[in-house]
Amino acid sequence: MTTGAFWDVSNPAKPWGLFDPNSKLDIPFDWTLWIADVSGVYSAHSIIVDPVLECVSSAHAAGVITALIKVAADATPVEGTKYPVTCRITVTAGGLTLIDDRTLYLKIKER
């Protein structure tokens, strides 16, 4: 799901990356393998964030959903706290509608 040196995947079920409170970063969710495994066709997605964060925008391209995330305007994030970002995807597979979630965490750290 997550790729690159940004992510600490020591617990693969809960990947996290350091996130400066002033950052505004694209966070990719790679669903290509899962979509292929279920022989699915992308239908829709939503990005669910902790109230401290805001999803500015999100887009789907070739099985990867990219969400632009920042700290919400009136929020005060706590340094060292990990805030969840969940990508929920809907696909159609064999006449069924399948829905799945993947959650990662952004750990607030002044950099």
N, C-alpha and C. Protein backbone atom coordinates (compact mmCIF):
# COMPACT_ATOMS: atom_id res chain seq x y z
N MET A 1 0.82 -1.19 0.00
CA MET A 1 0.00 0.00 0.00
C MET A 1 0.87 1.25 0.00
N THR A 2 1.82 1.36 0.91
CA THR A 2 2.70 2.52 0.97
C THR A 2 4.04 2.15 0.36
N THR A 3 4.70 3.12 -0.23
CA THR A 3 6.00 2.87 -0.83
C THR A 3 6.95 4.02 -0.52
N GLY A 4 8.24 3.70 -0.52
CA GLY A 4 9.26 4.74 -0.37
C GLY A 4 9.78 4.88 1.04
N ALA A 5 10.86 5.66 1.14
CA ALA A 5 11.57 5.85 2.40
C ALA A 5 10.78 6.69 3.41
N PHE A 6 9.73 7.38 2.97
CA PHE A 6 8.91 8.21 3.85
C PHE A 6 8.25 7.38 4.95
N TRP A 7 7.96 6.10 4.65
CA TRP A 7 7.12 5.29 5.52
C TRP A 7 7.93 4.38 6.45
N ASP A 8 7.54 4.37 7.71
CA ASP A 8 8.03 3.38 8.68
C ASP A 8 7.04 2.22 8.61
N VAL A 9 7.53 1.08 8.13
CA VAL A 9 6.66 -0.08 7.99
C VAL A 9 7.09 -1.21 8.93
N SER A 10 7.67 -0.82 10.07
CA SER A 10 8.06 -1.84 11.06
C SER A 10 6.84 -2.64 11.52
N ASN A 11 5.67 -2.02 11.51
CA ASN A 11 4.40 -2.73 11.69
C ASN A 11 3.63 -2.53 10.39
N PRO A 12 3.71 -3.51 9.46
CA PRO A 12 3.09 -3.32 8.15
C PRO A 12 1.60 -3.01 8.19
N ALA A 13 0.92 -3.38 9.26
CA ALA A 13 -0.51 -3.10 9.38
C ALA A 13 -0.77 -1.64 9.76
N LYS A 14 0.25 -0.93 10.23
CA LYS A 14 0.09 0.46 10.65
C LYS A 14 1.26 1.31 10.17
N PRO A 15 1.42 1.48 8.86
CA PRO A 15 2.52 2.31 8.37
C PRO A 15 2.33 3.77 8.77
N TRP A 16 3.46 4.45 9.03
CA TRP A 16 3.37 5.86 9.39
C TRP A 16 4.57 6.62 8.81
N GLY A 17 4.37 7.92 8.63
CA GLY A 17 5.43 8.79 8.16
C GLY A 17 5.42 10.09 8.94
N LEU A 18 6.59 10.74 9.02
CA LEU A 18 6.68 12.02 9.71
C LEU A 18 6.04 13.12 8.86
N PHE A 19 5.28 13.97 9.52
CA PHE A 19 4.50 14.99 8.82
C PHE A 19 4.66 16.31 9.56
N ASP A 20 5.33 17.27 8.93
CA ASP A 20 5.48 18.60 9.51
C ASP A 20 4.12 19.29 9.55
N PRO A 21 3.82 20.03 10.62
CA PRO A 21 2.52 20.70 10.70
C PRO A 21 2.26 21.69 9.56
N ASN A 22 3.31 22.15 8.90
CA ASN A 22 3.16 23.08 7.78
C ASN A 22 3.18 22.38 6.42
N SER A 23 3.26 21.05 6.43
CA SER A 23 3.32 20.30 5.18
C SER A 23 1.97 20.26 4.48
N LYS A 24 2.04 20.07 3.19
CA LYS A 24 0.89 19.81 2.34
C LYS A 24 1.41 18.80 1.32
N LEU A 25 1.12 17.50 1.56
CA LEU A 25 1.74 16.42 0.80
C LEU A 25 0.73 15.52 0.11
N ASP A 26 1.13 15.03 -1.08
CA ASP A 26 0.38 13.99 -1.76
C ASP A 26 0.70 12.65 -1.11
N ILE A 27 -0.32 11.94 -0.70
CA ILE A 27 -0.16 10.62 -0.08
C ILE A 27 -0.78 9.60 -1.03
N PRO A 28 0.04 8.69 -1.60
CA PRO A 28 -0.50 7.70 -2.53
C PRO A 28 -0.97 6.43 -1.82
N PHE A 29 -2.07 5.90 -2.29
CA PHE A 29 -2.59 4.60 -1.86
C PHE A 29 -2.61 3.72 -3.10
N ASP A 30 -1.77 2.72 -3.15
CA ASP A 30 -1.66 1.87 -4.33
C ASP A 30 -2.55 0.65 -4.17
N TRP A 31 -3.64 0.61 -4.95
CA TRP A 31 -4.62 -0.46 -4.90
C TRP A 31 -4.47 -1.43 -6.07
N THR A 32 -3.46 -1.28 -6.90
CA THR A 32 -3.38 -2.05 -8.15
C THR A 32 -3.41 -3.56 -7.91
N LEU A 33 -2.66 -4.05 -6.95
CA LEU A 33 -2.63 -5.49 -6.70
C LEU A 33 -3.97 -6.00 -6.18
N TRP A 34 -4.59 -5.27 -5.26
CA TRP A 34 -5.88 -5.69 -4.72
C TRP A 34 -6.95 -5.70 -5.81
N ILE A 35 -6.99 -4.66 -6.63
CA ILE A 35 -7.98 -4.62 -7.71
C ILE A 35 -7.78 -5.80 -8.65
N ALA A 36 -6.53 -6.11 -8.97
CA ALA A 36 -6.23 -7.25 -9.84
C ALA A 36 -6.62 -8.57 -9.16
N ASP A 37 -6.32 -8.70 -7.87
CA ASP A 37 -6.64 -9.94 -7.13
C ASP A 37 -8.14 -10.25 -7.13
N VAL A 38 -8.97 -9.21 -7.06
CA VAL A 38 -10.42 -9.43 -7.04
C VAL A 38 -11.04 -9.32 -8.43
N SER A 39 -10.18 -9.13 -9.44
CA SER A 39 -10.64 -8.92 -10.83
C SER A 39 -11.68 -7.80 -10.86
N GLY A 40 -11.35 -6.70 -10.20
CA GLY A 40 -12.29 -5.61 -10.04
C GLY A 40 -12.08 -4.46 -10.99
N VAL A 41 -13.08 -3.60 -11.02
CA VAL A 41 -13.04 -2.36 -11.78
C VAL A 41 -13.34 -1.23 -10.80
N TYR A 42 -12.44 -0.25 -10.75
CA TYR A 42 -12.60 0.90 -9.85
C TYR A 42 -13.96 1.56 -10.08
N SER A 43 -14.66 1.88 -8.96
CA SER A 43 -15.93 2.61 -9.03
C SER A 43 -15.84 3.97 -8.36
N ALA A 44 -15.29 4.01 -7.13
CA ALA A 44 -15.26 5.26 -6.37
C ALA A 44 -14.28 5.12 -5.20
N HIS A 45 -14.01 6.25 -4.56
CA HIS A 45 -13.19 6.22 -3.34
C HIS A 45 -13.57 7.41 -2.47
N SER A 46 -13.19 7.32 -1.20
CA SER A 46 -13.30 8.45 -0.29
C SER A 46 -12.08 8.44 0.63
N ILE A 47 -11.72 9.61 1.09
CA ILE A 47 -10.60 9.77 2.02
C ILE A 47 -11.17 10.25 3.34
N ILE A 48 -10.87 9.51 4.40
CA ILE A 48 -11.39 9.82 5.74
C ILE A 48 -10.20 10.18 6.60
N VAL A 49 -10.21 11.38 7.16
CA VAL A 49 -9.07 11.85 7.95
C VAL A 49 -9.50 12.21 9.37
N ASP A 50 -8.55 12.15 10.27
CA ASP A 50 -8.76 12.65 11.62
C ASP A 50 -9.12 14.14 11.52
N PRO A 51 -9.96 14.66 12.42
CA PRO A 51 -10.34 16.07 12.34
C PRO A 51 -9.18 17.07 12.38
N VAL A 52 -8.02 16.64 12.86
CA VAL A 52 -6.84 17.52 12.86
C VAL A 52 -6.31 17.72 11.44
N LEU A 53 -6.62 16.78 10.56
CA LEU A 53 -6.13 16.84 9.19
C LEU A 53 -7.25 17.22 8.23
N GLU A 54 -6.85 17.58 7.01
CA GLU A 54 -7.81 17.90 5.96
C GLU A 54 -7.33 17.27 4.66
N CYS A 55 -8.25 16.65 3.95
CA CYS A 55 -7.96 16.17 2.61
C CYS A 55 -8.37 17.30 1.66
N VAL A 56 -7.38 17.93 1.05
CA VAL A 56 -7.63 19.06 0.15
C VAL A 56 -8.24 18.56 -1.16
N SER A 57 -7.72 17.44 -1.66
CA SER A 57 -8.23 16.85 -2.90
C SER A 57 -7.76 15.41 -2.98
N SER A 58 -8.40 14.65 -3.87
CA SER A 58 -7.94 13.28 -4.12
C SER A 58 -8.31 12.91 -5.55
N ALA A 59 -7.53 11.98 -6.11
CA ALA A 59 -7.77 11.56 -7.49
C ALA A 59 -7.34 10.11 -7.66
N HIS A 60 -7.95 9.46 -8.65
CA HIS A 60 -7.63 8.07 -8.98
C HIS A 60 -7.01 8.02 -10.37
N ALA A 61 -5.93 7.24 -10.50
CA ALA A 61 -5.32 7.00 -11.81
C ALA A 61 -4.64 5.64 -11.79
N ALA A 62 -5.09 4.74 -12.65
CA ALA A 62 -4.45 3.43 -12.84
C ALA A 62 -4.28 2.65 -11.54
N GLY A 63 -5.30 2.67 -10.68
CA GLY A 63 -5.26 1.89 -9.45
C GLY A 63 -4.61 2.56 -8.27
N VAL A 64 -4.10 3.77 -8.45
CA VAL A 64 -3.48 4.52 -7.35
C VAL A 64 -4.35 5.72 -7.03
N ILE A 65 -4.70 5.85 -5.76
CA ILE A 65 -5.47 7.00 -5.29
C ILE A 65 -4.50 7.90 -4.55
N THR A 66 -4.44 9.16 -4.96
CA THR A 66 -3.53 10.12 -4.35
C THR A 66 -4.36 11.18 -3.64
N ALA A 67 -4.05 11.39 -2.36
CA ALA A 67 -4.78 12.36 -1.54
C ALA A 67 -3.81 13.46 -1.09
N LEU A 68 -4.20 14.70 -1.31
CA LEU A 68 -3.42 15.85 -0.87
C LEU A 68 -3.87 16.18 0.55
N ILE A 69 -2.95 16.02 1.51
CA ILE A 69 -3.28 16.15 2.94
C ILE A 69 -2.51 17.31 3.57
N LYS A 70 -3.19 18.02 4.46
CA LYS A 70 -2.55 19.07 5.26
C LYS A 70 -3.23 19.12 6.62
N VAL A 71 -2.65 19.89 7.55
CA VAL A 71 -3.28 20.12 8.84
C VAL A 71 -4.45 21.07 8.61
N ALA A 72 -5.60 20.77 9.22
CA ALA A 72 -6.78 21.61 9.08
C ALA A 72 -6.52 23.01 9.61
N ALA A 73 -7.17 24.00 9.02
CA ALA A 73 -6.91 25.41 9.30
C ALA A 73 -7.01 25.77 10.78
N ASP A 74 -8.02 25.29 11.48
CA ASP A 74 -8.22 25.68 12.88
C ASP A 74 -7.70 24.63 13.86
N ALA A 75 -6.95 23.66 13.36
CA ALA A 75 -6.49 22.56 14.22
C ALA A 75 -5.14 22.86 14.85
N THR A 76 -4.92 22.25 16.00
CA THR A 76 -3.63 22.34 16.67
C THR A 76 -3.13 20.92 16.87
N PRO A 77 -2.29 20.43 15.94
CA PRO A 77 -1.80 19.06 16.08
C PRO A 77 -0.80 18.95 17.22
N VAL A 78 -0.76 17.79 17.83
CA VAL A 78 0.14 17.53 18.95
C VAL A 78 1.37 16.81 18.41
N GLU A 79 2.53 17.40 18.62
CA GLU A 79 3.77 16.78 18.14
C GLU A 79 3.93 15.39 18.74
N GLY A 80 4.32 14.45 17.90
CA GLY A 80 4.51 13.07 18.32
C GLY A 80 3.26 12.21 18.19
N THR A 81 2.11 12.83 17.92
CA THR A 81 0.87 12.08 17.77
C THR A 81 0.73 11.59 16.34
N LYS A 82 0.24 10.36 16.19
CA LYS A 82 -0.03 9.79 14.88
C LYS A 82 -1.51 9.94 14.58
N TYR A 83 -1.81 10.60 13.46
CA TYR A 83 -3.18 10.84 13.05
C TYR A 83 -3.52 9.94 11.84
N PRO A 84 -4.68 9.26 11.87
CA PRO A 84 -5.02 8.34 10.79
C PRO A 84 -5.54 9.04 9.54
N VAL A 85 -5.21 8.42 8.41
CA VAL A 85 -5.76 8.79 7.10
C VAL A 85 -6.21 7.47 6.47
N THR A 86 -7.49 7.36 6.16
CA THR A 86 -8.05 6.14 5.59
C THR A 86 -8.51 6.39 4.17
N CYS A 87 -8.15 5.45 3.30
CA CYS A 87 -8.64 5.47 1.93
C CYS A 87 -9.64 4.32 1.80
N ARG A 88 -10.87 4.65 1.45
CA ARG A 88 -11.92 3.64 1.24
C ARG A 88 -12.20 3.57 -0.25
N ILE A 89 -12.08 2.37 -0.80
CA ILE A 89 -12.27 2.18 -2.23
C ILE A 89 -13.48 1.27 -2.48
N THR A 90 -14.17 1.57 -3.56
CA THR A 90 -15.28 0.74 -4.02
C THR A 90 -14.95 0.25 -5.42
N VAL A 91 -15.06 -1.06 -5.62
CA VAL A 91 -14.85 -1.66 -6.94
C VAL A 91 -16.01 -2.59 -7.25
N THR A 92 -16.19 -2.83 -8.54
CA THR A 92 -17.16 -3.81 -8.99
C THR A 92 -16.39 -5.03 -9.45
N ALA A 93 -16.79 -6.22 -8.97
CA ALA A 93 -16.10 -7.45 -9.32
C ALA A 93 -17.12 -8.58 -9.43
N GLY A 94 -17.23 -9.15 -10.60
CA GLY A 94 -18.15 -10.27 -10.80
C GLY A 94 -19.58 -9.94 -10.44
N GLY A 95 -20.01 -8.74 -10.72
CA GLY A 95 -21.38 -8.34 -10.41
C GLY A 95 -21.60 -7.89 -8.98
N LEU A 96 -20.56 -7.96 -8.16
CA LEU A 96 -20.65 -7.53 -6.76
C LEU A 96 -19.99 -6.17 -6.56
N THR A 97 -20.46 -5.45 -5.57
CA THR A 97 -19.80 -4.22 -5.15
C THR A 97 -18.95 -4.54 -3.94
N LEU A 98 -17.63 -4.34 -4.07
CA LEU A 98 -16.69 -4.60 -2.97
C LEU A 98 -16.17 -3.28 -2.44
N ILE A 99 -16.03 -3.20 -1.11
CA ILE A 99 -15.51 -2.00 -0.45
C ILE A 99 -14.40 -2.44 0.49
N ASP A 100 -13.27 -1.70 0.47
CA ASP A 100 -12.17 -2.01 1.37
C ASP A 100 -11.53 -0.72 1.85
N ASP A 101 -10.90 -0.77 3.00
CA ASP A 101 -10.21 0.37 3.61
C ASP A 101 -8.75 0.06 3.81
N ARG A 102 -7.91 1.08 3.70
CA ARG A 102 -6.51 1.02 4.13
C ARG A 102 -6.24 2.29 4.92
N THR A 103 -5.62 2.12 6.08
CA THR A 103 -5.32 3.27 6.94
C THR A 103 -3.82 3.37 7.14
N LEU A 104 -3.32 4.60 7.03
CA LEU A 104 -1.94 4.89 7.37
C LEU A 104 -1.97 6.05 8.37
N TYR A 105 -0.81 6.36 8.91
CA TYR A 105 -0.75 7.35 9.99
C TYR A 105 0.30 8.41 9.68
N LEU A 106 -0.01 9.65 9.99
CA LEU A 106 0.93 10.75 9.84
C LEU A 106 1.29 11.23 11.25
N LYS A 107 2.59 11.11 11.56
CA LYS A 107 3.09 11.49 12.89
C LYS A 107 3.63 12.91 12.81
N ILE A 108 3.05 13.79 13.61
CA ILE A 108 3.41 15.19 13.59
C ILE A 108 4.81 15.39 14.18
N LYS A 109 5.65 16.07 13.39
CA LYS A 109 7.03 16.34 13.81
C LYS A 109 7.53 17.58 13.08
N GLU A 110 7.89 18.62 13.83
CA GLU A 110 8.51 19.80 13.21
C GLU A 110 9.80 19.36 12.56
N ARG A 111 9.97 19.71 11.27
CA ARG A 111 11.20 19.35 10.58
C ARG A 111 11.83 20.56 9.95
